[in-house]
């Protein structure tokens, strides 16, 4: 059975839900932690026919990416946002600064 593009897109749209953004709450010693993530997705599809009209083809594609951004910490009546520490961004920034420093000092 061939799915239509609309059916495929609907199925992929259902993959990007609030459950993908906010994880299950974790409770210990009266403190609740709710993890949060940045979720991005996209897709596309199409149908084509050969120039003489004898052959037909179709295709679809979809991608989904997520990364942690932090957690909500709830203790009593207090809610606090704790951002995630992105080690890769720090490393990339360090390399960029080192490259700039090398360029500046090599021109002297």
PDB file of N, CA and C in Angstrom:
ATOM      1  N   UNK A   1       0.843  -1.184   0.000  1.00  0.00           N
ATOM      2  CA  UNK A   1       0.000   0.000   0.000  1.00  0.00           C
ATOM      3  C   UNK A   1       0.883   1.240   0.000  1.00  0.00           C
ATOM      4  N   UNK A   2       0.611   2.165  -0.873  1.00  0.00           N
ATOM      5  CA  UNK A   2       1.381   3.387  -1.004  1.00  0.00           C
ATOM      6  C   UNK A   2       0.770   4.479  -0.142  1.00  0.00           C
ATOM      7  N   UNK A   3       1.602   5.093   0.695  1.00  0.00           N
ATOM      8  CA  UNK A   3       1.124   6.214   1.495  1.00  0.00           C
ATOM      9  C   UNK A   3       1.182   7.482   0.661  1.00  0.00           C
ATOM     10  N   UNK A   4       0.232   8.380   0.910  1.00  0.00           N
ATOM     11  CA  UNK A   4       0.279   9.675   0.238  1.00  0.00           C
ATOM     12  C   UNK A   4       1.257  10.573   0.978  1.00  0.00           C
ATOM     13  N   UNK A   5       1.695  11.629   0.310  1.00  0.00           N
ATOM     14  CA  UNK A   5       2.610  12.586   0.936  1.00  0.00           C
ATOM     15  C   UNK A   5       1.959  13.175   2.187  1.00  0.00           C
ATOM     16  N   UNK A   6       0.660  13.469   2.117  1.00  0.00           N
ATOM     17  CA  UNK A   6      -0.042  14.044   3.273  1.00  0.00           C
ATOM     18  C   UNK A   6      -0.013  13.098   4.472  1.00  0.00           C
ATOM     19  N   UNK A   7      -0.196  11.792   4.233  1.00  0.00           N
ATOM     20  CA  UNK A   7      -0.168  10.810   5.321  1.00  0.00           C
ATOM     21  C   UNK A   7       1.222  10.727   5.947  1.00  0.00           C
ATOM     22  N   UNK A   8       2.241  10.775   5.110  1.00  0.00           N
ATOM     23  CA  UNK A   8       3.609  10.698   5.612  1.00  0.00           C
ATOM     24  C   UNK A   8       3.949  11.935   6.429  1.00  0.00           C
ATOM     25  N   UNK A   9       3.582  13.118   5.921  1.00  0.00           N
ATOM     26  CA  UNK A   9       3.859  14.357   6.648  1.00  0.00           C
ATOM     27  C   UNK A   9       3.114  14.377   7.976  1.00  0.00           C
ATOM     28  N   UNK A  10       1.880  13.899   8.007  1.00  0.00           N
ATOM     29  CA  UNK A  10       1.129  13.848   9.261  1.00  0.00           C
ATOM     30  C   UNK A  10       1.834  12.954  10.282  1.00  0.00           C
ATOM     31  N   UNK A  11       2.333  11.814   9.828  1.00  0.00           N
ATOM     32  CA  UNK A  11       3.049  10.913  10.732  1.00  0.00           C
ATOM     33  C   UNK A  11       4.305  11.545  11.297  1.00  0.00           C
ATOM     34  N   UNK A  12       5.022  12.287  10.463  1.00  0.00           N
ATOM     35  CA  UNK A  12       6.237  12.946  10.936  1.00  0.00           C
ATOM     36  C   UNK A  12       5.914  14.128  11.843  1.00  0.00           C
ATOM     37  N   UNK A  13       4.831  14.827  11.554  1.00  0.00           N
ATOM     38  CA  UNK A  13       4.410  15.941  12.403  1.00  0.00           C
ATOM     39  C   UNK A  13       4.104  15.428  13.809  1.00  0.00           C
ATOM     40  N   UNK A  14       3.501  14.243  13.879  1.00  0.00           N
ATOM     41  CA  UNK A  14       3.195  13.651  15.177  1.00  0.00           C
ATOM     42  C   UNK A  14       4.460  13.295  15.958  1.00  0.00           C
ATOM     43  N   UNK A  15       5.594  13.134  15.260  1.00  0.00           N
ATOM     44  CA  UNK A  15       6.859  12.821  15.939  1.00  0.00           C
ATOM     45  C   UNK A  15       7.392  14.017  16.717  1.00  0.00           C
ATOM     46  N   UNK A  16       7.017  15.231  16.295  1.00  0.00           N
ATOM     47  CA  UNK A  16       7.473  16.437  16.994  1.00  0.00           C
ATOM     48  C   UNK A  16       6.357  16.852  17.946  1.00  0.00           C
ATOM     49  N   UNK A  17       6.392  16.313  19.143  1.00  0.00           N
ATOM     50  CA  UNK A  17       5.360  16.595  20.132  1.00  0.00           C
ATOM     51  C   UNK A  17       5.978  17.233  21.361  1.00  0.00           C
ATOM     52  N   UNK A  18       5.147  17.655  22.269  1.00  0.00           N
ATOM     53  CA  UNK A  18       5.611  18.260  23.525  1.00  0.00           C
ATOM     54  C   UNK A  18       6.464  17.272  24.318  1.00  0.00           C
ATOM     55  N   UNK A  19       6.233  15.969  24.154  1.00  0.00           N
ATOM     56  CA  UNK A  19       7.030  14.949  24.845  1.00  0.00           C
ATOM     57  C   UNK A  19       8.477  14.947  24.380  1.00  0.00           C
ATOM     58  N   UNK A  20       8.719  15.412  23.156  1.00  0.00           N
ATOM     59  CA  UNK A  20      10.090  15.497  22.645  1.00  0.00           C
ATOM     60  C   UNK A  20      10.812  16.703  23.235  1.00  0.00           C
ATOM     61  N   UNK A  21      10.052  17.736  23.627  1.00  0.00           N
ATOM     62  CA  UNK A  21      10.644  18.967  24.156  1.00  0.00           C
ATOM     63  C   UNK A  21      10.852  18.870  25.659  1.00  0.00           C
ATOM     64  N   UNK A  22       9.854  18.409  26.382  1.00  0.00           N
ATOM     65  CA  UNK A  22       9.945  18.273  27.838  1.00  0.00           C
ATOM     66  C   UNK A  22       9.953  16.798  28.207  1.00  0.00           C
ATOM     67  N   UNK A  23      10.980  16.372  28.937  1.00  0.00           N
ATOM     68  CA  UNK A  23      11.087  14.989  29.364  1.00  0.00           C
ATOM     69  C   UNK A  23      10.197  14.708  30.566  1.00  0.00           C
ATOM     70  N   UNK A  24      10.191  13.470  30.979  1.00  0.00           N
ATOM     71  CA  UNK A  24       9.411  13.072  32.149  1.00  0.00           C
ATOM     72  C   UNK A  24       9.987  13.739  33.404  1.00  0.00           C
ATOM     73  N   UNK A  25       9.134  14.294  34.261  1.00  0.00           N
ATOM     74  CA  UNK A  25       9.625  14.892  35.505  1.00  0.00           C
ATOM     75  C   UNK A  25      10.282  13.843  36.398  1.00  0.00           C
ATOM     76  N   UNK A  26      11.339  14.257  37.077  1.00  0.00           N
ATOM     77  CA  UNK A  26      12.058  13.400  38.013  1.00  0.00           C
ATOM     78  C   UNK A  26      11.906  14.028  39.382  1.00  0.00           C
ATOM     79  N   UNK A  27      11.411  13.246  40.352  1.00  0.00           N
ATOM     80  CA  UNK A  27      11.154  13.771  41.692  1.00  0.00           C
ATOM     81  C   UNK A  27      11.995  13.018  42.708  1.00  0.00           C
ATOM     82  N   UNK A  28      12.709  13.785  43.556  1.00  0.00           N
ATOM     83  CA  UNK A  28      13.486  13.181  44.632  1.00  0.00           C
ATOM     84  C   UNK A  28      13.625  14.201  45.763  1.00  0.00           C
ATOM     85  N   UNK A  29      13.362  13.756  46.976  1.00  0.00           N
ATOM     86  CA  UNK A  29      13.487  14.587  48.177  1.00  0.00           C
ATOM     87  C   UNK A  29      12.722  15.905  48.048  1.00  0.00           C
ATOM     88  N   UNK A  30      11.532  15.875  47.465  1.00  0.00           N
ATOM     89  CA  UNK A  30      10.698  17.065  47.356  1.00  0.00           C
ATOM     90  C   UNK A  30      11.102  18.028  46.257  1.00  0.00           C
ATOM     91  N   UNK A  31      12.082  17.667  45.441  1.00  0.00           N
ATOM     92  CA  UNK A  31      12.522  18.515  44.334  1.00  0.00           C
ATOM     93  C   UNK A  31      12.130  17.829  43.024  1.00  0.00           C
ATOM     94  N   UNK A  32      11.482  18.595  42.134  1.00  0.00           N
ATOM     95  CA  UNK A  32      11.087  18.079  40.825  1.00  0.00           C
ATOM     96  C   UNK A  32      11.984  18.705  39.764  1.00  0.00           C
ATOM     97  N   UNK A  33      12.521  17.865  38.893  1.00  0.00           N
ATOM     98  CA  UNK A  33      13.363  18.327  37.790  1.00  0.00           C
ATOM     99  C   UNK A  33      12.681  17.932  36.487  1.00  0.00           C
ATOM    100  N   UNK A  34      12.475  18.925  35.607  1.00  0.00           N
ATOM    101  CA  UNK A  34      11.856  18.672  34.303  1.00  0.00           C
ATOM    102  C   UNK A  34      12.862  19.056  33.220  1.00  0.00           C
ATOM    103  N   UNK A  35      13.401  18.060  32.495  1.00  0.00           N
ATOM    104  CA  UNK A  35      14.364  18.371  31.438  1.00  0.00           C
ATOM    105  C   UNK A  35      13.678  18.973  30.208  1.00  0.00           C
ATOM    106  N   UNK A  36      14.381  19.894  29.543  1.00  0.00           N
ATOM    107  CA  UNK A  36      13.857  20.528  28.335  1.00  0.00           C
ATOM    108  C   UNK A  36      14.897  20.428  27.222  1.00  0.00           C
ATOM    109  N   UNK A  37      14.412  20.312  25.996  1.00  0.00           N
ATOM    110  CA  UNK A  37      15.297  20.186  24.840  1.00  0.00           C
ATOM    111  C   UNK A  37      14.796  21.071  23.707  1.00  0.00           C
ATOM    112  N   UNK A  38      15.717  21.429  22.822  1.00  0.00           N
ATOM    113  CA  UNK A  38      15.355  22.129  21.591  1.00  0.00           C
ATOM    114  C   UNK A  38      15.194  21.056  20.521  1.00  0.00           C
ATOM    115  N   UNK A  39      14.014  21.001  19.906  1.00  0.00           N
ATOM    116  CA  UNK A  39      13.727  19.986  18.902  1.00  0.00           C
ATOM    117  C   UNK A  39      13.410  20.681  17.584  1.00  0.00           C
ATOM    118  N   UNK A  40      14.096  20.250  16.525  1.00  0.00           N
ATOM    119  CA  UNK A  40      13.906  20.822  15.198  1.00  0.00           C
ATOM    120  C   UNK A  40      13.656  19.672  14.224  1.00  0.00           C
ATOM    121  N   UNK A  41      12.698  19.850  13.354  1.00  0.00           N
ATOM    122  CA  UNK A  41      12.426  18.810  12.368  1.00  0.00           C
ATOM    123  C   UNK A  41      11.970  19.415  11.058  1.00  0.00           C
ATOM    124  N   UNK A  42      12.116  18.655  10.023  1.00  0.00           N
ATOM    125  CA  UNK A  42      11.669  19.111   8.715  1.00  0.00           C
ATOM    126  C   UNK A  42      11.565  17.943   7.769  1.00  0.00           C
ATOM    127  N   UNK A  43      10.813  18.134   6.717  1.00  0.00           N
ATOM    128  CA  UNK A  43      10.653  17.051   5.759  1.00  0.00           C
ATOM    129  C   UNK A  43      10.140  17.570   4.439  1.00  0.00           C
ATOM    130  N   UNK A  44      10.081  16.686   3.505  1.00  0.00           N
ATOM    131  CA  UNK A  44       9.578  17.050   2.191  1.00  0.00           C
ATOM    132  C   UNK A  44       9.315  15.812   1.370  1.00  0.00           C
ATOM    133  N   UNK A  45       8.686  16.016   0.267  1.00  0.00           N
ATOM    134  CA  UNK A  45       8.390  14.897  -0.610  1.00  0.00           C
ATOM    135  C   UNK A  45       7.952  15.394  -1.965  1.00  0.00           C
ATOM    136  N   UNK A  46       7.869  14.478  -2.887  1.00  0.00           N
ATOM    137  CA  UNK A  46       7.439  14.870  -4.215  1.00  0.00           C
ATOM    138  C   UNK A  46       7.165  13.674  -5.092  1.00  0.00           C
ATOM    139  N   UNK A  47       6.511  13.954  -6.202  1.00  0.00           N
ATOM    140  CA  UNK A  47       6.168  12.940  -7.190  1.00  0.00           C
ATOM    141  C   UNK A  47       6.602  13.482  -8.545  1.00  0.00           C
ATOM    142  N   UNK A  48       7.143  12.614  -9.391  1.00  0.00           N
ATOM    143  CA  UNK A  48       7.566  13.051 -10.715  1.00  0.00           C
ATOM    144  C   UNK A  48       7.249  12.013 -11.768  1.00  0.00           C
ATOM    145  N   UNK A  49       7.248  12.453 -12.998  1.00  0.00           N
ATOM    146  CA  UNK A  49       6.952  11.577 -14.125  1.00  0.00           C
ATOM    147  C   UNK A  49       7.995  11.837 -15.202  1.00  0.00           C
ATOM    148  N   UNK A  50       8.393  10.795 -15.915  1.00  0.00           N
ATOM    149  CA  UNK A  50       9.365  10.958 -16.993  1.00  0.00           C
ATOM    150  C   UNK A  50       8.773  11.834 -18.100  1.00  0.00           C
ATOM    151  N   UNK A  51       9.651  12.386 -18.934  1.00  0.00           N
ATOM    152  CA  UNK A  51       9.188  13.310 -19.975  1.00  0.00           C
ATOM    153  C   UNK A  51       8.234  12.647 -20.968  1.00  0.00           C
ATOM    154  N   UNK A  52       8.383  11.340 -21.179  1.00  0.00           N
ATOM    155  CA  UNK A  52       7.457  10.665 -22.100  1.00  0.00           C
ATOM    156  C   UNK A  52       6.230  10.094 -21.395  1.00  0.00           C
ATOM    157  N   UNK A  53       6.163  10.269 -20.054  1.00  0.00           N
ATOM    158  CA  UNK A  53       4.994   9.843 -19.296  1.00  0.00           C
ATOM    159  C   UNK A  53       4.904   8.369 -19.002  1.00  0.00           C
ATOM    160  N   UNK A  54       5.967   7.606 -19.261  1.00  0.00           N
ATOM    161  CA  UNK A  54       5.895   6.155 -19.062  1.00  0.00           C
ATOM    162  C   UNK A  54       6.337   5.722 -17.666  1.00  0.00           C
ATOM    163  N   UNK A  55       7.118   6.542 -17.010  1.00  0.00           N
ATOM    164  CA  UNK A  55       7.613   6.165 -15.680  1.00  0.00           C
ATOM    165  C   UNK A  55       7.234   7.225 -14.661  1.00  0.00           C
ATOM    166  N   UNK A  56       7.007   6.754 -13.434  1.00  0.00           N
ATOM    167  CA  UNK A  56       6.637   7.652 -12.353  1.00  0.00           C
ATOM    168  C   UNK A  56       7.470   7.304 -11.130  1.00  0.00           C
ATOM    169  N   UNK A  57       7.796   8.316 -10.342  1.00  0.00           N
ATOM    170  CA  UNK A  57       8.548   8.076  -9.118  1.00  0.00           C
ATOM    171  C   UNK A  57       8.115   9.033  -8.032  1.00  0.00           C
ATOM    172  N   UNK A  58       8.337   8.632  -6.807  1.00  0.00           N
ATOM    173  CA  UNK A  58       8.008   9.498  -5.678  1.00  0.00           C
ATOM    174  C   UNK A  58       9.015   9.261  -4.568  1.00  0.00           C
ATOM    175  N   UNK A  59       9.100  10.219  -3.664  1.00  0.00           N
ATOM    176  CA  UNK A  59      10.015  10.076  -2.537  1.00  0.00           C
ATOM    177  C   UNK A  59       9.682  11.050  -1.433  1.00  0.00           C
ATOM    178  N   UNK A  60      10.091  10.687  -0.241  1.00  0.00           N
ATOM    179  CA  UNK A  60       9.912  11.564   0.913  1.00  0.00           C
ATOM    180  C   UNK A  60      11.152  11.483   1.782  1.00  0.00           C
ATOM    181  N   UNK A  61      11.323  12.487   2.603  1.00  0.00           N
ATOM    182  CA  UNK A  61      12.429  12.488   3.547  1.00  0.00           C
ATOM    183  C   UNK A  61      12.043  13.280   4.781  1.00  0.00           C
ATOM    184  N   UNK A  62      12.687  12.962   5.886  1.00  0.00           N
ATOM    185  CA  UNK A  62      12.362  13.635   7.138  1.00  0.00           C
ATOM    186  C   UNK A  62      13.566  13.594   8.048  1.00  0.00           C
ATOM    187  N   UNK A  63      13.779  14.656   8.775  1.00  0.00           N
ATOM    188  CA  UNK A  63      14.863  14.696   9.748  1.00  0.00           C
ATOM    189  C   UNK A  63      14.372  15.281  11.061  1.00  0.00           C
ATOM    190  N   UNK A  64      14.911  14.802  12.154  1.00  0.00           N
ATOM    191  CA  UNK A  64      14.541  15.269  13.486  1.00  0.00           C
ATOM    192  C   UNK A  64      15.803  15.355  14.317  1.00  0.00           C
ATOM    193  N   UNK A  65      16.004  16.483  14.980  1.00  0.00           N
ATOM    194  CA  UNK A  65      17.200  16.676  15.794  1.00  0.00           C
ATOM    195  C   UNK A  65      16.806  17.306  17.116  1.00  0.00           C
ATOM    196  N   UNK A  66      17.457  16.874  18.170  1.00  0.00           N
ATOM    197  CA  UNK A  66      17.183  17.447  19.476  1.00  0.00           C
ATOM    198  C   UNK A  66      18.445  17.580  20.292  1.00  0.00           C
ATOM    199  N   UNK A  67      18.491  18.615  21.131  1.00  0.00           N
ATOM    200  CA  UNK A  67      19.622  18.762  22.043  1.00  0.00           C
ATOM    201  C   UNK A  67      19.117  19.363  23.346  1.00  0.00           C
ATOM    202  N   UNK A  68      19.702  18.971  24.466  1.00  0.00           N
ATOM    203  CA  UNK A  68      19.252  19.501  25.757  1.00  0.00           C
ATOM    204  C   UNK A  68      19.573  20.982  25.883  1.00  0.00           C
ATOM    205  N   UNK A  69      18.637  21.720  26.465  1.00  0.00           N
ATOM    206  CA  UNK A  69      18.879  23.145  26.691  1.00  0.00           C
ATOM    207  C   UNK A  69      18.890  23.496  28.174  1.00  0.00           C
ATOM    208  N   UNK A  70      18.363  22.618  29.022  1.00  0.00           N
ATOM    209  CA  UNK A  70      18.371  22.891  30.452  1.00  0.00           C
ATOM    210  C   UNK A  70      17.285  22.122  31.173  1.00  0.00           C
ATOM    211  N   UNK A  71      17.075  22.517  32.419  1.00  0.00           N
ATOM    212  CA  UNK A  71      16.039  21.875  33.237  1.00  0.00           C
ATOM    213  C   UNK A  71      15.317  22.928  34.066  1.00  0.00           C
ATOM    214  N   UNK A  72      14.051  22.639  34.345  1.00  0.00           N
ATOM    215  CA  UNK A  72      13.301  23.414  35.333  1.00  0.00           C
ATOM    216  C   UNK A  72      13.427  22.664  36.650  1.00  0.00           C
ATOM    217  N   UNK A  73      13.797  23.378  37.690  1.00  0.00           N
ATOM    218  CA  UNK A  73      13.915  22.793  39.025  1.00  0.00           C
ATOM    219  C   UNK A  73      12.819  23.419  39.883  1.00  0.00           C
ATOM    220  N   UNK A  74      11.950  22.575  40.425  1.00  0.00           N
ATOM    221  CA  UNK A  74      10.827  23.040  41.241  1.00  0.00           C
ATOM    222  C   UNK A  74      11.013  22.525  42.651  1.00  0.00           C
ATOM    223  N   UNK A  75      11.097  23.464  43.595  1.00  0.00           N
ATOM    224  CA  UNK A  75      11.230  23.119  45.013  1.00  0.00           C
ATOM    225  C   UNK A  75      10.253  23.988  45.786  1.00  0.00           C
ATOM    226  N   UNK A  76       9.229  23.347  46.325  1.00  0.00           N
ATOM    227  CA  UNK A  76       8.174  24.100  47.013  1.00  0.00           C
ATOM    228  C   UNK A  76       7.455  25.002  46.024  1.00  0.00           C
ATOM    229  N   UNK A  77       7.415  26.321  46.329  1.00  0.00           N
ATOM    230  CA  UNK A  77       6.781  27.301  45.452  1.00  0.00           C
ATOM    231  C   UNK A  77       7.779  27.957  44.503  1.00  0.00           C
ATOM    232  N   UNK A  78       9.026  27.555  44.558  1.00  0.00           N
ATOM    233  CA  UNK A  78      10.077  28.184  43.747  1.00  0.00           C
ATOM    234  C   UNK A  78      10.367  27.363  42.485  1.00  0.00           C
ATOM    235  N   UNK A  79      10.354  28.042  41.334  1.00  0.00           N
ATOM    236  CA  UNK A  79      10.703  27.416  40.062  1.00  0.00           C
ATOM    237  C   UNK A  79      11.942  28.130  39.522  1.00  0.00           C
ATOM    238  N   UNK A  80      12.937  27.348  39.170  1.00  0.00           N
ATOM    239  CA  UNK A  80      14.209  27.913  38.706  1.00  0.00           C
ATOM    240  C   UNK A  80      14.607  27.251  37.399  1.00  0.00           C
ATOM    241  N   UNK A  81      15.130  28.042  36.459  1.00  0.00           N
ATOM    242  CA  UNK A  81      15.630  27.521  35.183  1.00  0.00           C
ATOM    243  C   UNK A  81      17.139  27.357  35.298  1.00  0.00           C
ATOM    244  N   UNK A  82      17.648  26.180  34.964  1.00  0.00           N
ATOM    245  CA  UNK A  82      19.081  25.907  34.978  1.00  0.00           C
ATOM    246  C   UNK A  82      19.482  25.515  33.551  1.00  0.00           C
ATOM    247  N   UNK A  83      20.209  26.409  32.837  1.00  0.00           N
ATOM    248  CA  UNK A  83      20.578  26.092  31.458  1.00  0.00           C
ATOM    249  C   UNK A  83      21.607  24.969  31.383  1.00  0.00           C
ATOM    250  N   UNK A  84      21.567  24.222  30.293  1.00  0.00           N
ATOM    251  CA  UNK A  84      22.543  23.163  30.053  1.00  0.00           C
ATOM    252  C   UNK A  84      23.858  23.796  29.613  1.00  0.00           C
ATOM    253  N   UNK A  85      24.951  23.163  29.953  1.00  0.00           N
ATOM    254  CA  UNK A  85      26.281  23.627  29.580  1.00  0.00           C
ATOM    255  C   UNK A  85      26.681  22.899  28.297  1.00  0.00           C
ATOM    256  N   UNK A  86      26.883  23.644  27.217  1.00  0.00           N
ATOM    257  CA  UNK A  86      27.218  23.057  25.918  1.00  0.00           C
ATOM    258  C   UNK A  86      28.737  23.033  25.749  1.00  0.00           C
ATOM    259  N   UNK A  87      29.343  21.897  26.040  1.00  0.00           N
ATOM    260  CA  UNK A  87      30.797  21.748  25.973  1.00  0.00           C
ATOM    261  C   UNK A  87      31.299  21.965  24.544  1.00  0.00           C
ATOM    262  N   UNK A  88      30.574  21.467  23.560  1.00  0.00           N
ATOM    263  CA  UNK A  88      30.999  21.620  22.164  1.00  0.00           C
ATOM    264  C   UNK A  88      31.088  23.089  21.754  1.00  0.00           C
ATOM    265  N   UNK A  89      30.150  23.894  22.207  1.00  0.00           N
ATOM    266  CA  UNK A  89      30.169  25.325  21.881  1.00  0.00           C
ATOM    267  C   UNK A  89      31.368  26.005  22.540  1.00  0.00           C
ATOM    268  N   UNK A  90      31.673  25.623  23.770  1.00  0.00           N
ATOM    269  CA  UNK A  90      32.838  26.199  24.462  1.00  0.00           C
ATOM    270  C   UNK A  90      34.127  25.827  23.740  1.00  0.00           C
ATOM    271  N   UNK A  91      34.249  24.574  23.333  1.00  0.00           N
ATOM    272  CA  UNK A  91      35.453  24.126  22.616  1.00  0.00           C
ATOM    273  C   UNK A  91      35.582  24.854  21.280  1.00  0.00           C
ATOM    274  N   UNK A  92      34.498  24.951  20.536  1.00  0.00           N
ATOM    275  CA  UNK A  92      34.533  25.644  19.247  1.00  0.00           C
ATOM    276  C   UNK A  92      34.902  27.111  19.433  1.00  0.00           C
ATOM    277  N   UNK A  93      34.356  27.741  20.455  1.00  0.00           N
ATOM    278  CA  UNK A  93      34.689  29.137  20.738  1.00  0.00           C
ATOM    279  C   UNK A  93      36.151  29.308  21.110  1.00  0.00           C
ATOM    280  N   UNK A  94      36.685  28.359  21.858  1.00  0.00           N
ATOM    281  CA  UNK A  94      38.099  28.408  22.241  1.00  0.00           C
ATOM    282  C   UNK A  94      38.999  28.295  21.020  1.00  0.00           C
ATOM    283  N   UNK A  95      38.660  27.385  20.108  1.00  0.00           N
ATOM    284  CA  UNK A  95      39.442  27.245  18.873  1.00  0.00           C
ATOM    285  C   UNK A  95      39.374  28.516  18.034  1.00  0.00           C
ATOM    286  N   UNK A  96      38.200  29.125  17.951  1.00  0.00           N
ATOM    287  CA  UNK A  96      38.049  30.354  17.171  1.00  0.00           C
ATOM    288  C   UNK A  96      38.893  31.476  17.773  1.00  0.00           C
ATOM    289  N   UNK A  97      38.867  31.620  19.095  1.00  0.00           N
ATOM    290  CA  UNK A  97      39.684  32.649  19.752  1.00  0.00           C
ATOM    291  C   UNK A  97      41.169  32.386  19.557  1.00  0.00           C
ATOM    292  N   UNK A  98      41.583  31.125  19.639  1.00  0.00           N
ATOM    293  CA  UNK A  98      42.996  30.786  19.439  1.00  0.00           C
ATOM    294  C   UNK A  98      43.416  31.105  18.005  1.00  0.00           C
ATOM    295  N   UNK A  99      42.575  30.820  17.026  1.00  0.00           N
ATOM    296  CA  UNK A  99      42.895  31.120  15.631  1.00  0.00           C
ATOM    297  C   UNK A  99      43.030  32.619  15.416  1.00  0.00           C
ATOM    298  N   UNK A 100      42.145  33.392  15.997  1.00  0.00           N
ATOM    299  CA  UNK A 100      42.214  34.856  15.879  1.00  0.00           C
ATOM    300  C   UNK A 100      43.492  35.373  16.536  1.00  0.00           C
ATOM    301  N   UNK A 101      43.802  34.834  17.715  1.00  0.00           N
ATOM    302  CA  UNK A 101      45.026  35.266  18.412  1.00  0.00           C
ATOM    303  C   UNK A 101      46.259  34.946  17.575  1.00  0.00           C
ATOM    304  N   UNK A 102      46.311  33.781  16.947  1.00  0.00           N
ATOM    305  CA  UNK A 102      47.445  33.413  16.089  1.00  0.00           C
ATOM    306  C   UNK A 102      47.557  34.346  14.889  1.00  0.00           C
ATOM    307  N   UNK A 103      46.435  34.676  14.279  1.00  0.00           N
ATOM    308  CA  UNK A 103      46.445  35.601  13.140  1.00  0.00           C
ATOM    309  C   UNK A 103      46.950  36.979  13.537  1.00  0.00           C
ATOM    310  N   UNK A 104      46.480  37.477  14.673  1.00  0.00           N
ATOM    311  CA  UNK A 104      46.865  38.815  15.134  1.00  0.00           C
ATOM    312  C   UNK A 104      48.352  38.848  15.481  1.00  0.00           C
ATOM    313  N   UNK A 105      48.839  37.839  16.205  1.00  0.00           N
ATOM    314  CA  UNK A 105      50.251  37.853  16.622  1.00  0.00           C
ATOM    315  C   UNK A 105      51.199  37.549  15.465  1.00  0.00           C
ATOM    316  N   UNK A 106      50.744  36.809  14.441  1.00  0.00           N
ATOM    317  CA  UNK A 106      51.633  36.495  13.327  1.00  0.00           C
ATOM    318  C   UNK A 106      51.831  37.673  12.384  1.00  0.00           C
ATOM    319  N   UNK A 107      50.964  38.655  12.435  1.00  0.00           N
ATOM    320  CA  UNK A 107      51.070  39.826  11.568  1.00  0.00           C
ATOM    321  C   UNK A 107      51.990  40.893  12.147  1.00  0.00           C
ATOM    322  N   UNK A 108      52.476  40.723  13.315  1.00  0.00           N
ATOM    323  CA  UNK A 108      53.337  41.741  13.951  1.00  0.00           C
ATOM    324  C   UNK A 108      54.761  41.562  13.562  1.00  0.00           C
TER     325      UNK A 108
END
